[in-house]
Amino acid sequence: MSQTLEQIAQIVDVTAEDVWIYLQDIQATQMVEFGRLLSASGDEAWWAKGLPSANQTT
């Protein structure tokens, strides 16, 4: 966390006191990436195959 804090402050040119970081543990099915709800655990390959080819990784 400290390294992330320092890097963010440096990149956006603010002091560390101006950076707030919150980490949350939420279920994948409550998140969206590439305009699509994420898959449940175990269905990642199926989810990734549905992405446009420009967003797929090998």
C-alpha atoms as a PDB file:
ATOM      1  CA  MET A   1       0.000   0.000   0.000  1.00  0.00           C
ATOM      2  CA  SER A   2       2.812   2.385   0.846  1.00  0.00           C
ATOM      3  CA  GLN A   3       4.438   1.920  -2.548  1.00  0.00           C
ATOM      4  CA  THR A   4       1.129   2.450  -4.312  1.00  0.00           C
ATOM      5  CA  LEU A   5       0.518   5.581  -2.271  1.00  0.00           C
ATOM      6  CA  GLU A   6       3.931   7.001  -3.136  1.00  0.00           C
ATOM      7  CA  GLN A   7       3.540   6.227  -6.837  1.00  0.00           C
ATOM      8  CA  ILE A   8       0.086   7.767  -7.084  1.00  0.00           C
ATOM      9  CA  ALA A   9       1.212  10.916  -5.281  1.00  0.00           C
ATOM     10  CA  GLN A  10       4.201  11.242  -7.597  1.00  0.00           C
ATOM     11  CA  ILE A  11       2.259  10.589 -10.801  1.00  0.00           C
ATOM     12  CA  VAL A  12      -0.483  13.113 -10.074  1.00  0.00           C
ATOM     13  CA  ASP A  13       1.908  15.547  -8.331  1.00  0.00           C
ATOM     14  CA  VAL A  14       0.168  15.756  -4.964  1.00  0.00           C
ATOM     15  CA  THR A  15       1.241  15.051  -1.405  1.00  0.00           C
ATOM     16  CA  ALA A  16       0.556  11.664   0.175  1.00  0.00           C
ATOM     17  CA  GLU A  17      -2.002  13.329   2.448  1.00  0.00           C
ATOM     18  CA  ASP A  18      -4.106  14.078  -0.635  1.00  0.00           C
ATOM     19  CA  VAL A  19      -4.346  10.415  -1.684  1.00  0.00           C
ATOM     20  CA  TRP A  20      -6.978   8.094  -0.285  1.00  0.00           C
ATOM     21  CA  ILE A  21      -6.884   4.380  -1.056  1.00  0.00           C
ATOM     22  CA  TYR A  22      -9.682   1.959  -0.253  1.00  0.00           C
ATOM     23  CA  LEU A  23      -9.506  -1.760  -0.991  1.00  0.00           C
ATOM     24  CA  GLN A  24     -12.692  -3.755  -1.166  1.00  0.00           C
ATOM     25  CA  ASP A  25     -13.330  -7.439  -1.547  1.00  0.00           C
ATOM     26  CA  ILE A  26     -16.384  -7.758  -3.759  1.00  0.00           C
ATOM     27  CA  GLN A  27     -17.679 -10.638  -5.834  1.00  0.00           C
ATOM     28  CA  ALA A  28     -16.725 -10.686  -9.521  1.00  0.00           C
ATOM     29  CA  THR A  29     -20.399 -10.825 -10.488  1.00  0.00           C
ATOM     30  CA  GLN A  30     -20.762  -7.338  -8.983  1.00  0.00           C
ATOM     31  CA  MET A  31     -18.100  -5.845 -11.284  1.00  0.00           C
ATOM     32  CA  VAL A  32     -18.028  -4.771 -14.917  1.00  0.00           C
ATOM     33  CA  GLU A  33     -15.005  -4.899 -17.236  1.00  0.00           C
ATOM     34  CA  PHE A  34     -15.003  -4.106 -20.955  1.00  0.00           C
ATOM     35  CA  GLY A  35     -18.697  -3.257 -20.668  1.00  0.00           C
ATOM     36  CA  ARG A  36     -19.650  -6.748 -19.453  1.00  0.00           C
ATOM     37  CA  LEU A  37     -20.452  -8.200 -16.047  1.00  0.00           C
ATOM     38  CA  LEU A  38     -17.608 -10.423 -14.919  1.00  0.00           C
ATOM     39  CA  SER A  39     -18.172 -14.149 -14.763  1.00  0.00           C
ATOM     40  CA  ALA A  40     -18.553 -16.250 -11.681  1.00  0.00           C
ATOM     41  CA  SER A  41     -15.440 -18.015 -10.483  1.00  0.00           C
ATOM     42  CA  GLY A  42     -14.581 -20.871 -12.821  1.00  0.00           C
ATOM     43  CA  ASP A  43     -16.252 -19.320 -15.886  1.00  0.00           C
ATOM     44  CA  GLU A  44     -13.405 -16.928 -16.759  1.00  0.00           C
ATOM     45  CA  ALA A  45     -12.432 -18.690 -20.009  1.00  0.00           C
ATOM     46  CA  TRP A  46     -16.011 -18.611 -21.267  1.00  0.00           C
ATOM     47  CA  TRP A  47     -16.281 -14.918 -20.337  1.00  0.00           C
ATOM     48  CA  ALA A  48     -12.995 -14.014 -22.042  1.00  0.00           C
ATOM     49  CA  LYS A  49     -14.018 -15.768 -25.287  1.00  0.00           C
ATOM     50  CA  GLY A  50     -16.967 -13.378 -25.535  1.00  0.00           C
ATOM     51  CA  LEU A  51     -14.745 -10.296 -25.550  1.00  0.00           C
ATOM     52  CA  PRO A  52     -13.996  -8.453 -28.792  1.00  0.00           C
ATOM     53  CA  SER A  53     -10.717  -9.770 -30.221  1.00  0.00           C
ATOM     54  CA  ALA A  54      -8.958  -6.456 -29.464  1.00  0.00           C
ATOM     55  CA  ASN A  55      -9.607  -7.035 -25.752  1.00  0.00           C
ATOM     56  CA  GLN A  56      -8.602 -10.698 -25.631  1.00  0.00           C
ATOM     57  CA  THR A  57      -5.168 -11.762 -24.421  1.00  0.00           C
ATOM     58  CA  THR A  58      -3.403 -14.964 -25.279  1.00  0.00           C
END
